C-alpha atoms as a PDB file:
ATOM      1  CA  UNK A   1     -12.917  -9.013   6.471  1.00  0.00           C
ATOM      2  CA  UNK A   2     -15.155 -10.949   4.087  1.00  0.00           C
ATOM      3  CA  UNK A   3     -16.310 -14.409   4.981  1.00  0.00           C
ATOM      4  CA  UNK A   4     -15.757 -16.853   2.164  1.00  0.00           C
ATOM      5  CA  UNK A   5     -19.418 -17.047   1.040  1.00  0.00           C
ATOM      6  CA  UNK A   6     -19.665 -13.254   0.832  1.00  0.00           C
ATOM      7  CA  UNK A   7     -16.380 -12.991  -1.029  1.00  0.00           C
ATOM      8  CA  UNK A   8     -17.660 -15.450  -3.608  1.00  0.00           C
ATOM      9  CA  UNK A   9     -20.662 -13.278  -4.409  1.00  0.00           C
ATOM     10  CA  UNK A  10     -18.343 -10.710  -5.984  1.00  0.00           C
ATOM     11  CA  UNK A  11     -15.980 -13.056  -7.818  1.00  0.00           C
ATOM     12  CA  UNK A  12     -17.102 -14.539 -11.126  1.00  0.00           C
ATOM     13  CA  UNK A  13     -15.548 -16.554 -13.942  1.00  0.00           C
ATOM     14  CA  UNK A  14     -17.893 -15.000 -16.520  1.00  0.00           C
ATOM     15  CA  UNK A  15     -20.278 -12.044 -16.562  1.00  0.00           C
ATOM     16  CA  UNK A  16     -23.301 -12.819 -14.379  1.00  0.00           C
ATOM     17  CA  UNK A  17     -26.733 -12.786 -15.984  1.00  0.00           C
ATOM     18  CA  UNK A  18     -27.432  -9.156 -15.110  1.00  0.00           C
ATOM     19  CA  UNK A  19     -24.134  -7.902 -16.601  1.00  0.00           C
ATOM     20  CA  UNK A  20     -23.311  -6.779 -20.115  1.00  0.00           C
ATOM     21  CA  UNK A  21     -20.673  -8.513 -22.240  1.00  0.00           C
ATOM     22  CA  UNK A  22     -18.070  -5.979 -21.051  1.00  0.00           C
ATOM     23  CA  UNK A  23     -19.032  -6.823 -17.443  1.00  0.00           C
ATOM     24  CA  UNK A  24     -20.693  -3.456 -16.809  1.00  0.00           C
ATOM     25  CA  UNK A  25     -23.964  -3.242 -14.913  1.00  0.00           C
ATOM     26  CA  UNK A  26     -26.331  -0.500 -13.885  1.00  0.00           C
ATOM     27  CA  UNK A  27     -25.259   1.066 -10.618  1.00  0.00           C
ATOM     28  CA  UNK A  28     -28.905   0.928  -9.497  1.00  0.00           C
ATOM     29  CA  UNK A  29     -28.348   3.894  -7.206  1.00  0.00           C
ATOM     30  CA  UNK A  30     -31.975   3.926  -6.051  1.00  0.00           C
ATOM     31  CA  UNK A  31     -31.566   0.491  -4.465  1.00  0.00           C
ATOM     32  CA  UNK A  32     -29.041   1.577  -1.809  1.00  0.00           C
ATOM     33  CA  UNK A  33     -30.477   1.438   1.688  1.00  0.00           C
ATOM     34  CA  UNK A  34     -30.312   4.236   4.233  1.00  0.00           C
ATOM     35  CA  UNK A  35     -27.789   2.159   6.179  1.00  0.00           C
ATOM     36  CA  UNK A  36     -25.560   1.800   3.112  1.00  0.00           C
ATOM     37  CA  UNK A  37     -25.615   5.546   2.500  1.00  0.00           C
ATOM     38  CA  UNK A  38     -24.791   6.085   6.162  1.00  0.00           C
ATOM     39  CA  UNK A  39     -21.862   3.660   5.914  1.00  0.00           C
ATOM     40  CA  UNK A  40     -20.454   5.766   3.071  1.00  0.00           C
ATOM     41  CA  UNK A  41     -20.918   8.929   5.148  1.00  0.00           C
ATOM     42  CA  UNK A  42     -19.090   7.390   8.137  1.00  0.00           C
ATOM     43  CA  UNK A  43     -16.175   6.290   5.961  1.00  0.00           C
ATOM     44  CA  UNK A  44     -16.071   9.610   4.112  1.00  0.00           C
ATOM     45  CA  UNK A  45     -16.175  11.746   7.264  1.00  0.00           C
ATOM     46  CA  UNK A  46     -13.318  10.040   9.037  1.00  0.00           C
ATOM     47  CA  UNK A  47     -11.078   9.984   5.951  1.00  0.00           C
ATOM     48  CA  UNK A  48     -11.828  13.569   4.916  1.00  0.00           C
ATOM     49  CA  UNK A  49     -11.019  14.802   8.407  1.00  0.00           C
ATOM     50  CA  UNK A  50      -7.562  13.257   8.508  1.00  0.00           C
ATOM     51  CA  UNK A  51      -6.377  13.674   4.892  1.00  0.00           C
ATOM     52  CA  UNK A  52      -5.563  17.421   4.768  1.00  0.00           C
ATOM     53  CA  UNK A  53      -1.814  17.608   5.302  1.00  0.00           C
ATOM     54  CA  UNK A  54      -1.504  13.936   4.333  1.00  0.00           C
ATOM     55  CA  UNK A  55      -3.088  13.518   0.906  1.00  0.00           C
ATOM     56  CA  UNK A  56      -1.640  14.863  -2.339  1.00  0.00           C
ATOM     57  CA  UNK A  57      -3.053  18.174  -3.467  1.00  0.00           C
ATOM     58  CA  UNK A  58      -4.375  16.557  -6.651  1.00  0.00           C
ATOM     59  CA  UNK A  59      -6.444  14.163  -4.535  1.00  0.00           C
ATOM     60  CA  UNK A  60      -7.865  16.931  -2.348  1.00  0.00           C
ATOM     61  CA  UNK A  61      -8.646  19.006  -5.430  1.00  0.00           C
ATOM     62  CA  UNK A  62     -10.398  16.007  -6.976  1.00  0.00           C
ATOM     63  CA  UNK A  63     -12.711  15.649  -3.986  1.00  0.00           C
ATOM     64  CA  UNK A  64     -13.792  19.264  -4.442  1.00  0.00           C
ATOM     65  CA  UNK A  65     -14.115  19.051  -8.233  1.00  0.00           C
ATOM     66  CA  UNK A  66     -16.324  15.961  -7.978  1.00  0.00           C
ATOM     67  CA  UNK A  67     -18.374  17.268  -5.044  1.00  0.00           C
ATOM     68  CA  UNK A  68     -17.791  14.086  -3.062  1.00  0.00           C
ATOM     69  CA  UNK A  69     -18.740  15.892   0.130  1.00  0.00           C
ATOM     70  CA  UNK A  70     -22.398  15.525  -0.866  1.00  0.00           C
ATOM     71  CA  UNK A  71     -23.999  13.064   1.602  1.00  0.00           C
ATOM     72  CA  UNK A  72     -24.558   9.480   0.563  1.00  0.00           C
ATOM     73  CA  UNK A  73     -23.112   7.128  -2.021  1.00  0.00           C
ATOM     74  CA  UNK A  74     -22.380   9.078  -5.210  1.00  0.00           C
ATOM     75  CA  UNK A  75     -24.677   8.604  -8.176  1.00  0.00           C
ATOM     76  CA  UNK A  76     -22.432   7.700 -11.124  1.00  0.00           C
ATOM     77  CA  UNK A  77     -24.668   9.656 -13.497  1.00  0.00           C
ATOM     78  CA  UNK A  78     -23.956  12.881 -11.634  1.00  0.00           C
ATOM     79  CA  UNK A  79     -20.327  12.004 -10.968  1.00  0.00           C
ATOM     80  CA  UNK A  80     -19.617  11.226 -14.616  1.00  0.00           C
ATOM     81  CA  UNK A  81     -20.971  14.521 -15.911  1.00  0.00           C
ATOM     82  CA  UNK A  82     -18.293  16.349 -13.927  1.00  0.00           C
ATOM     83  CA  UNK A  83     -15.512  13.812 -14.443  1.00  0.00           C
ATOM     84  CA  UNK A  84     -16.067  13.614 -18.193  1.00  0.00           C
ATOM     85  CA  UNK A  85     -15.800  17.400 -18.466  1.00  0.00           C
ATOM     86  CA  UNK A  86     -12.612  17.411 -16.395  1.00  0.00           C
ATOM     87  CA  UNK A  87     -10.579  14.632 -18.017  1.00  0.00           C
ATOM     88  CA  UNK A  88     -12.763  12.528 -20.324  1.00  0.00           C
ATOM     89  CA  UNK A  89     -13.066   9.703 -17.784  1.00  0.00           C
ATOM     90  CA  UNK A  90     -16.194   7.979 -16.553  1.00  0.00           C
ATOM     91  CA  UNK A  91     -16.950   5.477 -13.812  1.00  0.00           C
ATOM     92  CA  UNK A  92     -18.744   2.264 -14.793  1.00  0.00           C
ATOM     93  CA  UNK A  93     -20.275  -0.175 -12.338  1.00  0.00           C
ATOM     94  CA  UNK A  94     -19.270  -3.840 -12.358  1.00  0.00           C
ATOM     95  CA  UNK A  95     -20.528  -6.716 -10.170  1.00  0.00           C
ATOM     96  CA  UNK A  96     -17.116  -7.419  -8.653  1.00  0.00           C
ATOM     97  CA  UNK A  97     -13.597  -8.277  -9.733  1.00  0.00           C
ATOM     98  CA  UNK A  98     -13.251  -8.447 -13.532  1.00  0.00           C
ATOM     99  CA  UNK A  99     -10.754 -10.334 -15.740  1.00  0.00           C
ATOM    100  CA  UNK A 100      -7.476  -8.617 -16.541  1.00  0.00           C
ATOM    101  CA  UNK A 101      -8.211  -8.041 -20.221  1.00  0.00           C
ATOM    102  CA  UNK A 102     -11.563  -6.451 -19.408  1.00  0.00           C
ATOM    103  CA  UNK A 103      -9.977  -4.229 -16.766  1.00  0.00           C
ATOM    104  CA  UNK A 104      -7.214  -3.026 -19.080  1.00  0.00           C
ATOM    105  CA  UNK A 105      -9.594  -2.382 -21.967  1.00  0.00           C
ATOM    106  CA  UNK A 106     -11.788  -0.200 -19.798  1.00  0.00           C
ATOM    107  CA  UNK A 107      -8.787   1.775 -18.530  1.00  0.00           C
ATOM    108  CA  UNK A 108      -7.383   2.233 -22.030  1.00  0.00           C
ATOM    109  CA  UNK A 109     -10.730   3.746 -23.028  1.00  0.00           C
ATOM    110  CA  UNK A 110     -10.952   5.998 -19.953  1.00  0.00           C
ATOM    111  CA  UNK A 111     -13.534   3.951 -18.113  1.00  0.00           C
ATOM    112  CA  UNK A 112     -12.810   3.201 -14.476  1.00  0.00           C
ATOM    113  CA  UNK A 113     -14.541   0.081 -13.173  1.00  0.00           C
ATOM    114  CA  UNK A 114     -16.094   0.223  -9.725  1.00  0.00           C
ATOM    115  CA  UNK A 115     -17.925  -2.307  -7.655  1.00  0.00           C
ATOM    116  CA  UNK A 116     -21.437  -1.086  -6.888  1.00  0.00           C
ATOM    117  CA  UNK A 117     -21.605  -2.697  -3.429  1.00  0.00           C
ATOM    118  CA  UNK A 118     -20.436  -1.168  -0.162  1.00  0.00           C
ATOM    119  CA  UNK A 119     -18.838  -2.930   2.791  1.00  0.00           C
ATOM    120  CA  UNK A 120     -20.701  -3.926   5.934  1.00  0.00           C
ATOM    121  CA  UNK A 121     -20.369  -1.976   9.178  1.00  0.00           C
ATOM    122  CA  UNK A 122     -18.140  -4.654  10.675  1.00  0.00           C
ATOM    123  CA  UNK A 123     -15.790  -4.220   7.683  1.00  0.00           C
ATOM    124  CA  UNK A 124     -15.107  -0.496   8.068  1.00  0.00           C
ATOM    125  CA  UNK A 125     -11.382  -0.998   8.553  1.00  0.00           C
ATOM    126  CA  UNK A 126     -10.564  -3.872   6.213  1.00  0.00           C
ATOM    127  CA  UNK A 127     -12.022  -6.015   3.458  1.00  0.00           C
ATOM    128  CA  UNK A 128     -10.372  -8.297   0.936  1.00  0.00           C
ATOM    129  CA  UNK A 129     -11.881  -6.976  -2.278  1.00  0.00           C
ATOM    130  CA  UNK A 130     -12.548  -3.395  -3.358  1.00  0.00           C
ATOM    131  CA  UNK A 131     -15.989  -1.927  -2.749  1.00  0.00           C
ATOM    132  CA  UNK A 132     -17.502   1.315  -3.970  1.00  0.00           C
ATOM    133  CA  UNK A 133     -15.832   3.351  -1.223  1.00  0.00           C
ATOM    134  CA  UNK A 134     -12.370   2.114  -2.132  1.00  0.00           C
ATOM    135  CA  UNK A 135     -13.021   2.498  -5.845  1.00  0.00           C
ATOM    136  CA  UNK A 136     -14.764   5.874  -5.869  1.00  0.00           C
ATOM    137  CA  UNK A 137     -13.342   7.699  -2.866  1.00  0.00           C
ATOM    138  CA  UNK A 138      -9.913   6.101  -3.223  1.00  0.00           C
ATOM    139  CA  UNK A 139      -9.387   6.218  -6.990  1.00  0.00           C
ATOM    140  CA  UNK A 140     -11.699   8.650  -8.700  1.00  0.00           C
ATOM    141  CA  UNK A 141     -10.488  11.983  -7.223  1.00  0.00           C
ATOM    142  CA  UNK A 142      -7.077  11.416  -8.834  1.00  0.00           C
ATOM    143  CA  UNK A 143      -8.774  10.808 -12.196  1.00  0.00           C
ATOM    144  CA  UNK A 144      -9.944  14.438 -12.109  1.00  0.00           C
ATOM    145  CA  UNK A 145      -6.290  15.428 -12.602  1.00  0.00           C
ATOM    146  CA  UNK A 146      -5.387  15.386 -16.329  1.00  0.00           C
ATOM    147  CA  UNK A 147      -1.879  14.033 -15.697  1.00  0.00           C
ATOM    148  CA  UNK A 148      -3.061  11.112 -13.616  1.00  0.00           C
ATOM    149  CA  UNK A 149      -5.932  10.478 -15.988  1.00  0.00           C
ATOM    150  CA  UNK A 150      -3.454  10.192 -18.858  1.00  0.00           C
ATOM    151  CA  UNK A 151      -1.254   7.901 -16.761  1.00  0.00           C
ATOM    152  CA  UNK A 152      -4.129   5.535 -16.052  1.00  0.00           C
ATOM    153  CA  UNK A 153      -5.139   5.357 -19.712  1.00  0.00           C
ATOM    154  CA  UNK A 154      -1.513   4.640 -20.640  1.00  0.00           C
ATOM    155  CA  UNK A 155      -1.418   1.938 -17.984  1.00  0.00           C
ATOM    156  CA  UNK A 156      -4.477   0.312 -19.533  1.00  0.00           C
ATOM    157  CA  UNK A 157      -2.821   0.244 -22.945  1.00  0.00           C
ATOM    158  CA  UNK A 158       0.324  -1.133 -21.348  1.00  0.00           C
ATOM    159  CA  UNK A 159      -1.685  -3.821 -19.608  1.00  0.00           C
ATOM    160  CA  UNK A 160      -3.068  -5.101 -22.906  1.00  0.00           C
ATOM    161  CA  UNK A 161       0.516  -5.350 -24.202  1.00  0.00           C
ATOM    162  CA  UNK A 162       1.694  -7.058 -21.008  1.00  0.00           C
ATOM    163  CA  UNK A 163      -0.895  -9.783 -21.510  1.00  0.00           C
ATOM    164  CA  UNK A 164       0.673 -10.538 -24.899  1.00  0.00           C
ATOM    165  CA  UNK A 165       4.201 -10.498 -23.477  1.00  0.00           C
ATOM    166  CA  UNK A 166       3.402 -12.635 -20.443  1.00  0.00           C
ATOM    167  CA  UNK A 167       4.655  -9.885 -18.122  1.00  0.00           C
ATOM    168  CA  UNK A 168       1.507  -9.110 -16.193  1.00  0.00           C
ATOM    169  CA  UNK A 169       3.141  -9.916 -12.858  1.00  0.00           C
ATOM    170  CA  UNK A 170       5.740  -7.222 -13.417  1.00  0.00           C
ATOM    171  CA  UNK A 171       3.288  -4.586 -14.628  1.00  0.00           C
ATOM    172  CA  UNK A 172       0.908  -5.310 -11.760  1.00  0.00           C
ATOM    173  CA  UNK A 173       3.656  -4.214  -9.388  1.00  0.00           C
ATOM    174  CA  UNK A 174       3.691  -0.797 -11.038  1.00  0.00           C
ATOM    175  CA  UNK A 175      -0.043  -0.432 -10.399  1.00  0.00           C
ATOM    176  CA  UNK A 176       0.349  -1.619  -6.830  1.00  0.00           C
ATOM    177  CA  UNK A 177       3.181   0.723  -5.924  1.00  0.00           C
ATOM    178  CA  UNK A 178       1.710   3.779  -7.662  1.00  0.00           C
ATOM    179  CA  UNK A 179      -2.062   3.656  -8.152  1.00  0.00           C
ATOM    180  CA  UNK A 180      -2.763   1.715  -4.953  1.00  0.00           C
ATOM    181  CA  UNK A 181       0.083   2.518  -2.568  1.00  0.00           C
ATOM    182  CA  UNK A 182       2.003   5.440  -4.021  1.00  0.00           C
ATOM    183  CA  UNK A 183       3.578   8.369  -2.196  1.00  0.00           C
ATOM    184  CA  UNK A 184       4.492  11.693  -3.787  1.00  0.00           C
ATOM    185  CA  UNK A 185       7.020  14.340  -2.807  1.00  0.00           C
ATOM    186  CA  UNK A 186       5.374  17.748  -2.596  1.00  0.00           C
ATOM    187  CA  UNK A 187       6.889  21.056  -1.460  1.00  0.00           C
ATOM    188  CA  UNK A 188       5.345  20.618   1.985  1.00  0.00           C
ATOM    189  CA  UNK A 189       6.665  17.049   2.338  1.00  0.00           C
ATOM    190  CA  UNK A 190       5.620  13.490   1.559  1.00  0.00           C
ATOM    191  CA  UNK A 191       1.968  12.985   0.698  1.00  0.00           C
ATOM    192  CA  UNK A 192      -0.197   9.960  -0.110  1.00  0.00           C
ATOM    193  CA  UNK A 193      -2.059   9.494  -3.378  1.00  0.00           C
ATOM    194  CA  UNK A 194      -2.521   5.727  -3.737  1.00  0.00           C
ATOM    195  CA  UNK A 195      -6.119   4.581  -3.359  1.00  0.00           C
ATOM    196  CA  UNK A 196      -5.231   1.753  -1.001  1.00  0.00           C
ATOM    197  CA  UNK A 197      -3.812   4.307   1.425  1.00  0.00           C
ATOM    198  CA  UNK A 198      -6.238   7.225   1.120  1.00  0.00           C
ATOM    199  CA  UNK A 199      -9.247   4.928   1.592  1.00  0.00           C
ATOM    200  CA  UNK A 200      -7.709   3.253   4.683  1.00  0.00           C
ATOM    201  CA  UNK A 201      -7.905   5.041   8.028  1.00  0.00           C
ATOM    202  CA  UNK A 202      -4.997   3.093   9.506  1.00  0.00           C
ATOM    203  CA  UNK A 203      -2.672   3.105   6.520  1.00  0.00           C
ATOM    204  CA  UNK A 204      -3.182   6.840   5.963  1.00  0.00           C
ATOM    205  CA  UNK A 205      -1.245   7.286   9.201  1.00  0.00           C
ATOM    206  CA  UNK A 206       1.111   4.322   8.869  1.00  0.00           C
ATOM    207  CA  UNK A 207       2.389   5.188   5.387  1.00  0.00           C
ATOM    208  CA  UNK A 208       3.653   8.620   6.424  1.00  0.00           C
ATOM    209  CA  UNK A 209       4.264   8.479  10.168  1.00  0.00           C
ATOM    210  CA  UNK A 210       5.339   4.983  11.150  1.00  0.00           C
ATOM    211  CA  UNK A 211       9.030   4.094  11.419  1.00  0.00           C
ATOM    212  CA  UNK A 212       8.438   0.565  10.146  1.00  0.00           C
ATOM    213  CA  UNK A 213       8.265   0.782   6.306  1.00  0.00           C
ATOM    214  CA  UNK A 214      10.955   1.656   3.788  1.00  0.00           C
ATOM    215  CA  UNK A 215      10.292   4.774   1.712  1.00  0.00           C
ATOM    216  CA  UNK A 216      12.310   4.638  -1.505  1.00  0.00           C
ATOM    217  CA  UNK A 217      12.538   6.967  -4.485  1.00  0.00           C
ATOM    218  CA  UNK A 218      10.605   5.610  -7.466  1.00  0.00           C
ATOM    219  CA  UNK A 219      12.606   3.728 -10.096  1.00  0.00           C
ATOM    220  CA  UNK A 220      10.693   1.869 -12.813  1.00  0.00           C
ATOM    221  CA  UNK A 221      12.900  -1.213 -13.111  1.00  0.00           C
ATOM    222  CA  UNK A 222      13.171  -1.523  -9.359  1.00  0.00           C
ATOM    223  CA  UNK A 223       9.381  -1.379  -8.935  1.00  0.00           C
ATOM    224  CA  UNK A 224       8.748  -3.943 -11.677  1.00  0.00           C
ATOM    225  CA  UNK A 225      10.988  -6.409  -9.836  1.00  0.00           C
ATOM    226  CA  UNK A 226       9.670  -5.802  -6.307  1.00  0.00           C
ATOM    227  CA  UNK A 227       7.269  -8.176  -4.612  1.00  0.00           C
ATOM    228  CA  UNK A 228       4.408  -6.819  -2.523  1.00  0.00           C
ATOM    229  CA  UNK A 229       2.029  -8.051   0.141  1.00  0.00           C
ATOM    230  CA  UNK A 230      -1.745  -8.011  -0.192  1.00  0.00           C
ATOM    231  CA  UNK A 231      -2.804  -8.859   3.348  1.00  0.00           C
ATOM    232  CA  UNK A 232      -1.553  -5.977   5.506  1.00  0.00           C
ATOM    233  CA  UNK A 233       0.180  -2.617   5.540  1.00  0.00           C
ATOM    234  CA  UNK A 234       3.011  -2.287   3.064  1.00  0.00           C
ATOM    235  CA  UNK A 235       6.666  -2.774   3.985  1.00  0.00           C
ATOM    236  CA  UNK A 236       7.865  -0.628   1.064  1.00  0.00           C
ATOM    237  CA  UNK A 237       6.487   2.606  -0.345  1.00  0.00           C
ATOM    238  CA  UNK A 238       7.877   4.172  -3.506  1.00  0.00           C
ATOM    239  CA  UNK A 239       7.929   7.947  -3.791  1.00  0.00           C
ATOM    240  CA  UNK A 240       7.388   9.743  -7.102  1.00  0.00           C
ATOM    241  CA  UNK A 241       8.784  13.283  -7.479  1.00  0.00           C
ATOM    242  CA  UNK A 242       5.676  14.523  -9.308  1.00  0.00           C
ATOM    243  CA  UNK A 243       2.707  13.392 -11.374  1.00  0.00           C
ATOM    244  CA  UNK A 244       4.399  14.898 -14.417  1.00  0.00           C
ATOM    245  CA  UNK A 245       7.381  12.599 -13.928  1.00  0.00           C
ATOM    246  CA  UNK A 246       5.189   9.531 -13.387  1.00  0.00           C
ATOM    247  CA  UNK A 247       3.362  10.296 -16.629  1.00  0.00           C
ATOM    248  CA  UNK A 248       6.598  10.978 -18.503  1.00  0.00           C
ATOM    249  CA  UNK A 249       8.145   7.666 -17.475  1.00  0.00           C
ATOM    250  CA  UNK A 250       5.037   5.742 -18.492  1.00  0.00           C
ATOM    251  CA  UNK A 251       4.491   7.429 -21.839  1.00  0.00           C
ATOM    252  CA  UNK A 252       8.103   7.728 -22.970  1.00  0.00           C
ATOM    253  CA  UNK A 253       9.250   4.234 -21.938  1.00  0.00           C
ATOM    254  CA  UNK A 254       8.931   1.252 -24.264  1.00  0.00           C
ATOM    255  CA  UNK A 255       8.278  -1.412 -21.650  1.00  0.00           C
ATOM    256  CA  UNK A 256       9.226  -4.368 -23.848  1.00  0.00           C
ATOM    257  CA  UNK A 257      12.999  -3.757 -23.631  1.00  0.00           C
ATOM    258  CA  UNK A 258      12.618  -3.241 -19.882  1.00  0.00           C
ATOM    259  CA  UNK A 259      10.771  -6.541 -19.534  1.00  0.00           C
ATOM    260  CA  UNK A 260      13.498  -8.246 -21.563  1.00  0.00           C
ATOM    261  CA  UNK A 261      16.227  -6.676 -19.428  1.00  0.00           C
ATOM    262  CA  UNK A 262      14.774  -7.814 -16.115  1.00  0.00           C
ATOM    263  CA  UNK A 263      13.538 -11.211 -17.323  1.00  0.00           C
ATOM    264  CA  UNK A 264      16.535 -13.089 -15.906  1.00  0.00           C
ATOM    265  CA  UNK A 265      16.914 -10.925 -12.819  1.00  0.00           C
ATOM    266  CA  UNK A 266      15.561 -12.239  -9.523  1.00  0.00           C
ATOM    267  CA  UNK A 267      12.540 -10.680  -7.907  1.00  0.00           C
ATOM    268  CA  UNK A 268      13.381  -8.294  -5.091  1.00  0.00           C
ATOM    269  CA  UNK A 269      12.025  -9.436  -1.762  1.00  0.00           C
ATOM    270  CA  UNK A 270       9.783  -7.188   0.263  1.00  0.00           C
ATOM    271  CA  UNK A 271      11.684  -4.908   2.645  1.00  0.00           C
ATOM    272  CA  UNK A 272      15.056  -5.542   0.995  1.00  0.00           C
ATOM    273  CA  UNK A 273      17.250  -2.533   0.257  1.00  0.00           C
ATOM    274  CA  UNK A 274      19.444  -2.968  -2.811  1.00  0.00           C
ATOM    275  CA  UNK A 275      22.423  -1.136  -4.288  1.00  0.00           C
ATOM    276  CA  UNK A 276      21.253   1.909  -6.178  1.00  0.00           C
ATOM    277  CA  UNK A 277      18.219   2.576  -4.016  1.00  0.00           C
ATOM    278  CA  UNK A 278      17.666   6.194  -3.083  1.00  0.00           C
ATOM    279  CA  UNK A 279      16.330   5.547   0.386  1.00  0.00           C
ATOM    280  CA  UNK A 280      14.346   8.322   2.009  1.00  0.00           C
ATOM    281  CA  UNK A 281      13.508   6.252   5.082  1.00  0.00           C
ATOM    282  CA  UNK A 282      15.080   2.913   5.967  1.00  0.00           C
ATOM    283  CA  UNK A 283      12.336   1.237   7.916  1.00  0.00           C
ATOM    284  CA  UNK A 284      12.687  -0.766  11.085  1.00  0.00           C
ATOM    285  CA  UNK A 285      10.155  -3.355   9.761  1.00  0.00           C
ATOM    286  CA  UNK A 286       9.004  -3.663  13.358  1.00  0.00           C
ATOM    287  CA  UNK A 287       5.333  -3.757  12.415  1.00  0.00           C
ATOM    288  CA  UNK A 288       5.726  -6.624   9.938  1.00  0.00           C
ATOM    289  CA  UNK A 289       7.993  -8.564  12.276  1.00  0.00           C
ATOM    290  CA  UNK A 290       5.448  -8.294  15.076  1.00  0.00           C
ATOM    291  CA  UNK A 291       2.745  -9.997  13.022  1.00  0.00           C
ATOM    292  CA  UNK A 292       2.241 -13.714  13.370  1.00  0.00           C
ATOM    293  CA  UNK A 293       1.735 -16.027  10.413  1.00  0.00           C
ATOM    294  CA  UNK A 294       3.005 -15.948   6.856  1.00  0.00           C
ATOM    295  CA  UNK A 295       2.492 -12.865   4.701  1.00  0.00           C
ATOM    296  CA  UNK A 296       0.693 -13.238   1.363  1.00  0.00           C
ATOM    297  CA  UNK A 297       3.355 -12.211  -1.171  1.00  0.00           C
ATOM    298  CA  UNK A 298       2.802 -11.410  -4.855  1.00  0.00           C
END
């Protein structure tokens, strides 16, 4: 977990001096130390070993397409040559968290922003803000799939609209429950595809195997109304039937009428099951109940 001073080094209110106006920076691949490359290799090895039979086929295919098995932190110049050929996407380095409008504009133009720093050894299992392992290993393999690449670009365009409508909170829940913590139903069973799960050793097991969380069939309105927690494993996971269906819902839906419809509806609390839910697993919530302190809810 980041200490407060370290967290501050990657949070800015304007582009730092070494950044461009769009917040991008040079990855400066040559500056990574041997220890930093080794940290990537440790994280990669333990995730790659456990993900077959757990991760979505599109994610596993993406790892192969992008040659992420090559030792060391990926060089974005090499990565982008392959990714651009596959789906027209590229990865751009940023110094840390970027403003919402900048993030959405990059997505809408098929640029995925990634921090260029990697976590410390004592942070292998958890850190508060995304580093290059979360961003590249967690997110980028899915961008090698044309359907998911189109979904992410559509999300970026939708994010720019949400800023105008004042509905960012609702749209952020869609990102959280799909891009970060999504599950997918495949012929062999449930699989993980969200970056927050596939880049986490513990949650890769918890999301599929633990009896604690709810696993609910994806419904757009339901997701837009559902709160989430940012400080621990999820209490709800939403399951899409396919990437084709996720893309169809995003592209064919005019979100403005949906926002208007749910505007006066209450938010749905974490872990609550409501009428109309197609529940695949009703969780015990034992894990969350065993934790002390107040959860950070969004």
